[in-house]
Structure formats: C-alpha cells, structure tokens
C-alpha atoms as a PDB file:
ATOM      1  CA  MET A   1     -52.387 -13.537 -21.654  1.00  0.00           C
ATOM      2  CA  THR A   2     -49.004 -14.939 -20.984  1.00  0.00           C
ATOM      3  CA  PRO A   3     -47.479 -13.490 -17.763  1.00  0.00           C
ATOM      4  CA  ALA A   4     -44.460 -11.485 -18.163  1.00  0.00           C
ATOM      5  CA  LYS A   5     -41.250 -13.124 -17.281  1.00  0.00           C
ATOM      6  CA  ALA A   6     -39.410 -11.758 -14.310  1.00  0.00           C
ATOM      7  CA  PRO A   7     -36.206 -10.025 -15.329  1.00  0.00           C
ATOM      8  CA  GLN A   8     -33.168 -12.069 -14.933  1.00  0.00           C
ATOM      9  CA  ALA A   9     -30.581 -11.035 -12.406  1.00  0.00           C
ATOM     10  CA  PRO A  10     -27.295  -9.766 -14.023  1.00  0.00           C
ATOM     11  CA  LYS A  11     -24.692 -12.511 -14.484  1.00  0.00           C
ATOM     12  CA  LEU A  12     -22.208 -12.631 -11.656  1.00  0.00           C
ATOM     13  CA  THR A  13     -18.642 -11.901 -13.008  1.00  0.00           C
ATOM     14  CA  LYS A  14     -15.366 -12.608 -11.574  1.00  0.00           C
ATOM     15  CA  ARG A  15     -14.600  -8.786 -11.423  1.00  0.00           C
ATOM     16  CA  ALA A  16     -17.822  -8.202  -9.546  1.00  0.00           C
ATOM     17  CA  VAL A  17     -16.824 -10.823  -6.975  1.00  0.00           C
ATOM     18  CA  VAL A  18     -13.388  -9.218  -6.516  1.00  0.00           C
ATOM     19  CA  ASP A  19     -14.819  -5.721  -6.306  1.00  0.00           C
ATOM     20  CA  ARG A  20     -17.212  -6.702  -3.576  1.00  0.00           C
ATOM     21  CA  ALA A  21     -14.685  -8.811  -1.742  1.00  0.00           C
ATOM     22  CA  LEU A  22     -12.121  -6.027  -1.619  1.00  0.00           C
ATOM     23  CA  GLU A  23     -14.833  -3.535  -0.464  1.00  0.00           C
ATOM     24  CA  LEU A  24     -15.648  -5.916   2.430  1.00  0.00           C
ATOM     25  CA  ALA A  25     -11.917  -6.551   3.260  1.00  0.00           C
ATOM     26  CA  ASP A  26     -11.260  -2.713   3.270  1.00  0.00           C
ATOM     27  CA  SER A  27     -14.274  -2.060   5.445  1.00  0.00           C
ATOM     28  CA  HIS A  28     -14.101  -4.785   7.937  1.00  0.00           C
ATOM     29  CA  GLY A  29     -10.739  -6.467   7.761  1.00  0.00           C
ATOM     30  CA  LEU A  30      -9.411  -9.513   5.911  1.00  0.00           C
ATOM     31  CA  ASP A  31     -10.246 -11.871   8.854  1.00  0.00           C
ATOM     32  CA  THR A  32     -13.937 -11.205   8.483  1.00  0.00           C
ATOM     33  CA  LEU A  33     -13.960 -11.983   4.715  1.00  0.00           C
ATOM     34  CA  THR A  34     -15.572 -15.380   4.124  1.00  0.00           C
ATOM     35  CA  ILE A  35     -17.111 -17.121   1.132  1.00  0.00           C
ATOM     36  CA  ARG A  36     -20.456 -17.310   2.864  1.00  0.00           C
ATOM     37  CA  LYS A  37     -20.578 -13.677   3.904  1.00  0.00           C
ATOM     38  CA  LEU A  38     -19.441 -12.574   0.384  1.00  0.00           C
ATOM     39  CA  ALA A  39     -22.171 -14.669  -1.122  1.00  0.00           C
ATOM     40  CA  THR A  40     -24.777 -13.118   1.134  1.00  0.00           C
ATOM     41  CA  GLU A  41     -23.497  -9.612   0.138  1.00  0.00           C
ATOM     42  CA  LEU A  42     -23.775 -10.510  -3.631  1.00  0.00           C
ATOM     43  CA  GLY A  43     -27.167 -12.139  -3.127  1.00  0.00           C
ATOM     44  CA  VAL A  44     -26.060 -15.622  -4.349  1.00  0.00           C
ATOM     45  CA  THR A  45     -25.329 -19.078  -2.994  1.00  0.00           C
ATOM     46  CA  PRO A  46     -21.700 -19.844  -1.892  1.00  0.00           C
ATOM     47  CA  MET A  47     -21.700 -22.527  -4.745  1.00  0.00           C
ATOM     48  CA  ALA A  48     -22.152 -19.607  -7.203  1.00  0.00           C
ATOM     49  CA  LEU A  49     -18.714 -18.107  -5.980  1.00  0.00           C
ATOM     50  CA  TYR A  50     -16.953 -21.301  -6.461  1.00  0.00           C
ATOM     51  CA  TRP A  51     -17.497 -21.172 -10.233  1.00  0.00           C
ATOM     52  CA  HIS A  52     -14.906 -18.324 -10.107  1.00  0.00           C
ATOM     53  CA  PHE A  53     -12.909 -19.046  -7.048  1.00  0.00           C
ATOM     54  CA  ARG A  54     -12.346 -22.550  -5.752  1.00  0.00           C
ATOM     55  CA  SER A  55     -11.322 -21.430  -2.200  1.00  0.00           C
ATOM     56  CA  LYS A  56     -10.875 -18.448  -0.056  1.00  0.00           C
ATOM     57  CA  GLU A  57      -7.124 -18.660  -0.785  1.00  0.00           C
ATOM     58  CA  GLU A  58      -7.705 -18.292  -4.426  1.00  0.00           C
ATOM     59  CA  LEU A  59     -10.213 -15.415  -3.787  1.00  0.00           C
ATOM     60  CA  LEU A  60      -7.489 -13.551  -1.860  1.00  0.00           C
ATOM     61  CA  GLY A  61      -5.108 -14.141  -4.719  1.00  0.00           C
ATOM     62  CA  GLY A  62      -7.541 -12.443  -6.967  1.00  0.00           C
ATOM     63  CA  LEU A  63      -7.673  -9.397  -4.578  1.00  0.00           C
ATOM     64  CA  VAL A  64      -3.890  -9.231  -4.615  1.00  0.00           C
ATOM     65  CA  ASP A  65      -3.970  -9.091  -8.444  1.00  0.00           C
ATOM     66  CA  ARG A  66      -6.523  -6.364  -8.256  1.00  0.00           C
ATOM     67  CA  VAL A  67      -4.340  -4.315  -5.898  1.00  0.00           C
ATOM     68  CA  TRP A  68      -1.210  -4.767  -8.094  1.00  0.00           C
ATOM     69  CA  SER A  69      -3.140  -3.901 -11.272  1.00  0.00           C
ATOM     70  CA  GLU A  70      -4.197  -0.404  -9.835  1.00  0.00           C
ATOM     71  CA  ILE A  71      -0.437   0.619  -9.574  1.00  0.00           C
ATOM     72  CA  ASP A  72       0.212   2.975 -12.450  1.00  0.00           C
ATOM     73  CA  ALA A  73       3.420   1.613 -14.037  1.00  0.00           C
ATOM     74  CA  ASP A  74       3.280   3.885 -17.139  1.00  0.00           C
ATOM     75  CA  ILE A  75       6.121   6.082 -16.346  1.00  0.00           C
ATOM     76  CA  ASP A  76       7.318   8.906 -18.510  1.00  0.00           C
ATOM     77  CA  PRO A  77      10.529   7.795 -20.145  1.00  0.00           C
ATOM     78  CA  ALA A  78      11.760  11.470 -20.665  1.00  0.00           C
ATOM     79  CA  THR A  79      11.719  11.937 -16.723  1.00  0.00           C
ATOM     80  CA  PRO A  80      15.018  11.335 -15.100  1.00  0.00           C
ATOM     81  CA  TRP A  81      15.231   8.040 -13.297  1.00  0.00           C
ATOM     82  CA  PRO A  82      14.695   9.496  -9.710  1.00  0.00           C
ATOM     83  CA  GLY A  83      11.396  11.062 -10.954  1.00  0.00           C
ATOM     84  CA  GLN A  84      10.432   7.790 -12.548  1.00  0.00           C
ATOM     85  CA  LEU A  85      11.060   5.943  -9.245  1.00  0.00           C
ATOM     86  CA  ARG A  86       9.189   8.617  -7.337  1.00  0.00           C
ATOM     87  CA  ALA A  87       6.214   8.208  -9.587  1.00  0.00           C
ATOM     88  CA  LEU A  88       6.075   4.451  -8.952  1.00  0.00           C
ATOM     89  CA  MET A  89       6.388   4.947  -5.245  1.00  0.00           C
ATOM     90  CA  ASP A  90       3.626   7.586  -5.284  1.00  0.00           C
ATOM     91  CA  SER A  91       1.246   5.271  -7.084  1.00  0.00           C
ATOM     92  CA  LEU A  92       2.095   2.387  -4.837  1.00  0.00           C
ATOM     93  CA  VAL A  93       1.395   4.523  -1.739  1.00  0.00           C
ATOM     94  CA  ALA A  94      -1.864   5.922  -3.263  1.00  0.00           C
ATOM     95  CA  VAL A  95      -3.133   2.328  -3.945  1.00  0.00           C
ATOM     96  CA  LEU A  96      -2.236   1.136  -0.366  1.00  0.00           C
ATOM     97  CA  ARG A  97      -3.909   4.062   1.017  1.00  0.00           C
ATOM     98  CA  ALA A  98      -7.034   3.522  -0.885  1.00  0.00           C
ATOM     99  CA  HIS A  99      -7.457   0.003   0.318  1.00  0.00           C
ATOM    100  CA  PRO A 100      -6.824  -0.588   3.945  1.00  0.00           C
ATOM    101  CA  ALA A 101      -6.617  -4.227   3.325  1.00  0.00           C
ATOM    102  CA  ALA A 102      -3.981  -3.974   0.597  1.00  0.00           C
ATOM    103  CA  ALA A 103      -0.801  -3.846   2.782  1.00  0.00           C
ATOM    104  CA  HIS A 104      -1.722  -7.041   4.574  1.00  0.00           C
ATOM    105  CA  LEU A 105      -2.601  -8.669   1.295  1.00  0.00           C
ATOM    106  CA  LEU A 106       0.725  -7.856  -0.265  1.00  0.00           C
ATOM    107  CA  LEU A 107       2.555  -8.999   2.865  1.00  0.00           C
ATOM    108  CA  ALA A 108       0.722 -12.349   2.818  1.00  0.00           C
ATOM    109  CA  PHE A 109       0.919 -13.139  -0.893  1.00  0.00           C
ATOM    110  CA  ASP A 110       4.131 -13.157  -3.000  1.00  0.00           C
ATOM    111  CA  LYS A 111       2.598 -13.452  -6.452  1.00  0.00           C
ATOM    112  CA  GLN A 112       4.273 -13.946  -9.758  1.00  0.00           C
ATOM    113  CA  SER A 113       1.142 -13.146 -11.734  1.00  0.00           C
ATOM    114  CA  PRO A 114       1.317 -10.683 -14.757  1.00  0.00           C
ATOM    115  CA  ALA A 115      -0.421  -8.091 -12.622  1.00  0.00           C
ATOM    116  CA  ALA A 116       2.245  -8.250  -9.958  1.00  0.00           C
ATOM    117  CA  MET A 117       5.171  -8.734 -12.296  1.00  0.00           C
ATOM    118  CA  ARG A 118       4.565  -5.558 -14.363  1.00  0.00           C
ATOM    119  CA  PRO A 119       5.244  -2.974 -11.674  1.00  0.00           C
ATOM    120  CA  THR A 120       8.237  -5.089 -10.606  1.00  0.00           C
ATOM    121  CA  GLU A 121       9.564  -5.206 -14.147  1.00  0.00           C
ATOM    122  CA  VAL A 122       9.106  -1.438 -14.624  1.00  0.00           C
ATOM    123  CA  THR A 123      10.778  -0.672 -11.281  1.00  0.00           C
ATOM    124  CA  LEU A 124      13.792  -2.933 -12.152  1.00  0.00           C
ATOM    125  CA  GLU A 125      14.101  -1.384 -15.495  1.00  0.00           C
ATOM    126  CA  VAL A 126      14.382   2.135 -13.951  1.00  0.00           C
ATOM    127  CA  LEU A 127      17.066   0.919 -11.557  1.00  0.00           C
ATOM    128  CA  ARG A 128      19.042  -0.931 -14.088  1.00  0.00           C
ATOM    129  CA  GLY A 129      18.879   2.169 -16.391  1.00  0.00           C
ATOM    130  CA  ALA A 130      20.136   4.193 -13.414  1.00  0.00           C
ATOM    131  CA  GLY A 131      23.244   1.898 -13.332  1.00  0.00           C
ATOM    132  CA  PHE A 132      22.546  -0.397 -10.509  1.00  0.00           C
ATOM    133  CA  ASP A 133      23.646  -4.033 -10.835  1.00  0.00           C
ATOM    134  CA  THR A 134      21.099  -6.851 -10.477  1.00  0.00           C
ATOM    135  CA  GLU A 135      21.738  -7.387  -6.750  1.00  0.00           C
ATOM    136  CA  TYR A 136      21.212  -3.620  -5.932  1.00  0.00           C
ATOM    137  CA  ALA A 137      18.401  -3.306  -8.254  1.00  0.00           C
ATOM    138  CA  ALA A 138      16.503  -6.210  -6.806  1.00  0.00           C
ATOM    139  CA  GLY A 139      17.280  -5.162  -3.325  1.00  0.00           C
ATOM    140  CA  ILE A 140      16.107  -1.489  -3.820  1.00  0.00           C
ATOM    141  CA  ALA A 141      12.789  -2.833  -5.559  1.00  0.00           C
ATOM    142  CA  ARG A 142      12.117  -4.970  -2.475  1.00  0.00           C
ATOM    143  CA  GLN A 143      12.793  -1.982  -0.186  1.00  0.00           C
ATOM    144  CA  ALA A 144      10.387   0.115  -2.203  1.00  0.00           C
ATOM    145  CA  LEU A 145       7.560  -2.273  -1.556  1.00  0.00           C
ATOM    146  CA  TRP A 146       8.445  -2.497   2.142  1.00  0.00           C
ATOM    147  CA  THR A 147       8.671   1.220   2.491  1.00  0.00           C
ATOM    148  CA  GLY A 148       5.259   1.786   1.003  1.00  0.00           C
ATOM    149  CA  ILE A 149       3.672  -0.846   3.303  1.00  0.00           C
ATOM    150  CA  MET A 150       5.454   0.493   6.259  1.00  0.00           C
ATOM    151  CA  LEU A 151       4.286   4.068   5.678  1.00  0.00           C
ATOM    152  CA  VAL A 152       0.694   2.966   5.415  1.00  0.00           C
ATOM    153  CA  MET A 153       0.773   0.703   8.397  1.00  0.00           C
ATOM    154  CA  SER A 154       2.405   3.546  10.452  1.00  0.00           C
ATOM    155  CA  ASP A 155       0.060   6.239   9.295  1.00  0.00           C
ATOM    156  CA  PRO A 156      -0.478   8.456  12.421  1.00  0.00           C
ATOM    157  CA  SER A 157      -4.028   9.148  11.076  1.00  0.00           C
ATOM    158  CA  ALA A 158      -4.988   5.477  11.031  1.00  0.00           C
ATOM    159  CA  GLU A 159      -5.212   5.104  14.927  1.00  0.00           C
ATOM    160  CA  PHE A 160      -8.663   3.530  15.872  1.00  0.00           C
ATOM    161  CA  LEU A 161      -9.460   6.363  18.414  1.00  0.00           C
ATOM    162  CA  SER A 162     -12.339   8.874  18.598  1.00  0.00           C
ATOM    163  CA  PRO A 163     -11.479  12.453  18.028  1.00  0.00           C
ATOM    164  CA  GLU A 164     -11.893  13.092  21.650  1.00  0.00           C
ATOM    165  CA  GLU A 165      -9.685  10.108  22.635  1.00  0.00           C
ATOM    166  CA  LEU A 166      -6.999  11.213  20.178  1.00  0.00           C
ATOM    167  CA  ALA A 167      -6.925  14.685  21.347  1.00  0.00           C
ATOM    168  CA  GLU A 168      -6.496  13.510  24.970  1.00  0.00           C
ATOM    169  CA  HIS A 169      -3.825  11.155  23.962  1.00  0.00           C
ATOM    170  CA  GLN A 170      -1.925  13.820  22.213  1.00  0.00           C
ATOM    171  CA  ARG A 171      -2.265  16.221  25.125  1.00  0.00           C
ATOM    172  CA  ALA A 172      -1.031  13.730  27.578  1.00  0.00           C
ATOM    173  CA  LYS A 173       2.064  12.942  25.245  1.00  0.00           C
ATOM    174  CA  GLN A 174       2.753  16.613  24.880  1.00  0.00           C
ATOM    175  CA  VAL A 175       2.867  17.221  28.570  1.00  0.00           C
ATOM    176  CA  THR A 176       4.985  14.190  29.144  1.00  0.00           C
ATOM    177  CA  TYR A 177       7.564  15.509  26.592  1.00  0.00           C
ATOM    178  CA  ALA A 178       7.415  19.241  27.663  1.00  0.00           C
ATOM    179  CA  THR A 179       7.906  18.434  31.383  1.00  0.00           C
ATOM    180  CA  LEU A 180      11.044  16.178  30.910  1.00  0.00           C
ATOM    181  CA  PRO A 181      14.214  17.591  32.482  1.00  0.00           C
ATOM    182  CA  LEU A 182      15.334  20.392  30.086  1.00  0.00           C
ATOM    183  CA  ALA A 183      19.044  19.707  30.920  1.00  0.00           C
ATOM    184  CA  SER A 184      18.876  16.081  29.801  1.00  0.00           C
ATOM    185  CA  TYR A 185      16.391  16.378  26.832  1.00  0.00           C
ATOM    186  CA  PRO A 186      16.539  19.872  25.494  1.00  0.00           C
ATOM    187  CA  ARG A 187      15.558  18.813  21.870  1.00  0.00           C
ATOM    188  CA  VAL A 188      12.659  16.497  23.070  1.00  0.00           C
ATOM    189  CA  VAL A 189      11.272  19.399  25.009  1.00  0.00           C
ATOM    190  CA  GLU A 190      11.792  21.730  22.153  1.00  0.00           C
ATOM    191  CA  CYS A 191       9.969  19.405  19.795  1.00  0.00           C
ATOM    192  CA  ALA A 192       7.168  18.365  22.283  1.00  0.00           C
ATOM    193  CA  VAL A 193       4.227  19.734  20.235  1.00  0.00           C
ATOM    194  CA  PRO A 194       5.176  18.193  16.812  1.00  0.00           C
ATOM    195  CA  LEU A 195       6.337  14.914  18.555  1.00  0.00           C
ATOM    196  CA  ALA A 196       3.060  14.497  20.269  1.00  0.00           C
ATOM    197  CA  ALA A 197       0.903  15.844  17.357  1.00  0.00           C
ATOM    198  CA  HIS A 198      -1.352  13.447  15.324  1.00  0.00           C
ATOM    199  CA  GLY A 199       0.606  14.671  12.182  1.00  0.00           C
ATOM    200  CA  ASP A 200      -0.421  15.561   8.791  1.00  0.00           C
ATOM    201  CA  PRO A 201      -0.928  12.369   6.751  1.00  0.00           C
ATOM    202  CA  GLU A 202       0.325  14.071   3.531  1.00  0.00           C
ATOM    203  CA  PHE A 203       3.484  15.153   5.312  1.00  0.00           C
ATOM    204  CA  HIS A 204       3.909  11.692   6.710  1.00  0.00           C
ATOM    205  CA  TYR A 205       3.792  10.102   3.144  1.00  0.00           C
ATOM    206  CA  ASP A 206       5.670  12.813   1.307  1.00  0.00           C
ATOM    207  CA  LEU A 207       8.493  12.708   3.893  1.00  0.00           C
ATOM    208  CA  GLY A 208       8.691   8.911   3.875  1.00  0.00           C
ATOM    209  CA  VAL A 209       8.816   8.688   0.050  1.00  0.00           C
ATOM    210  CA  SER A 210      11.241  11.629  -0.193  1.00  0.00           C
ATOM    211  CA  ILE A 211      13.612   9.924   2.295  1.00  0.00           C
ATOM    212  CA  PHE A 212      13.487   6.740   0.360  1.00  0.00           C
ATOM    213  CA  ILE A 213      14.224   8.443  -2.939  1.00  0.00           C
ATOM    214  CA  ALA A 214      17.055  10.465  -1.409  1.00  0.00           C
ATOM    215  CA  GLY A 215      18.639   7.278  -0.044  1.00  0.00           C
ATOM    216  CA  VAL A 216      18.439   5.570  -3.489  1.00  0.00           C
ATOM    217  CA  GLU A 217      20.009   8.839  -5.117  1.00  0.00           C
ATOM    218  CA  ALA A 218      22.679   8.740  -2.431  1.00  0.00           C
ATOM    219  CA  LEU A 219      23.564   5.155  -3.214  1.00  0.00           C
ATOM    220  CA  ALA A 220      23.724   5.910  -6.999  1.00  0.00           C
ATOM    221  CA  ALA A 221      26.299   8.646  -6.076  1.00  0.00           C
ATOM    222  CA  SER A 222      28.370   6.391  -3.913  1.00  0.00           C
ATOM    223  CA  PRO A 223      31.145   4.113  -5.085  1.00  0.00           C
ATOM    224  CA  GLY A 224      31.174   0.419  -4.286  1.00  0.00           C
ATOM    225  CA  THR A 225      27.329   0.153  -4.096  1.00  0.00           C
ATOM    226  CA  GLY A 226      26.728  -2.021  -7.323  1.00  0.00           C
ATOM    227  CA  ARG A 227      26.594   1.120  -9.433  1.00  0.00           C
ATOM    228  CA  GLN A 228      27.435   0.528 -13.090  1.00  0.00           C
ATOM    229  CA  ASN A 229      27.382   2.797 -16.113  1.00  0.00           C
ATOM    230  CA  PRO A 230      23.751   3.588 -16.927  1.00  0.00           C
ATOM    231  CA  SER A 231      22.472   1.442 -19.869  1.00  0.00           C
END
C-alpha cells in the first residue's frame, strides 16, 4: 500500500507576507521587523521571502502600499466638499489608528505608487472643485496627511504607562495645575482637571479633524488665499 502523501503547505503569497509583516510591525515596532524574524513567523526560510521582496526596504514599501490602500477614497459626489474632505480625513485617521506602525511608515516613505496616489488624487480633486488653486490644493493635501499623523502620534491614550502609573501621573499634574497662583493663572487653575486628564481618544480625534476642516473652510471664505471659482 502506497503511503499517503503529506499535505502540501499552502503557497506563500505576497499578500500573506505583507499581512504578517504589518501585524509584527504594529505589535512590536518597525525597528524589530527583520526578514529573518518574519520568515520564522511564517514558517519558511528567509530565501522564500526574497522571492516576493528583495530587501527589507522593498518589504516596507509593500507595507506602505497596504496602508494607503486601506484608506477609503470612495467619496459621495453629492456631499458638499467640506463633508467629502472630512470623510477622507476620517478614513485616514481610522487607518492610522488601526496600525500603530502606519504613521512612521508614511513619514519614512514618500511613495508614488497607485495605492498612494489614489487618495491624493481624490483629495486634490475635492480641493480643486472647492475652488482652491493648485498651490493651495497641494498645500492643504499635505497638511491633511501631517494632521492625521500628528493626531495619532499625540494620542493621549497611547502613553506606555500602566493604568496605575497613568492615574498617578494625572493626579500629580492636576495638583500642580490646581495649586498655581490663582491671580497669575486663573484659567489654568479653572481647567486643571481637563488639562491633566488622560482625555477621551474619540474627542481628541474628532476635535483635531474638526479644527482642520474648519480651517480649510475659513481659507475658502477668505480673499487672497488661492481661491478661484469652483470648477
């Protein structure tokens, strides 16, 4: 009787490599991601990964494409342009929040791949349709990306402290603010609790995006800021 053949391991795909690499980067940081460690996680030899990515730099580029591709650029054309811009910003922030490594990836890699260009193209189309000239449209699009990255990197809930350490840190800050000379710092004393608080992450992101959108709307309403007649 012929012995049964052992089942073949599923073929390693480029997508599977990127998926696992992004999981590792999100969990342990980009600095800890190596070809050897990734190969071990996938149960293959490092040479098997080089069929898909010739270097770590190329692998990281694949992760960047993955992050960009998750941004939802399918906006509703019937929505007024501020709402379209808000939808793009909300999706950018959601993707950056979902992947702790994403902000650093987008800072490190300025890619012109189709995955990166589509959200950029849609954002520029929204801004040009709102009447901004090419210089202002490009500048606002860049600021949109920096705003999303800044919000994620400054998320007050992302501090690497235990709940006990965080509570003690907040208590000490609150005491410091509340005991300042009232005559010199009346508003700081008044706001001691919310200034020292850990903060609600949803409020943090909603406020940050709202301020950005309000700023762009204010620019649109101001003369001499590159505003043209909407196309």
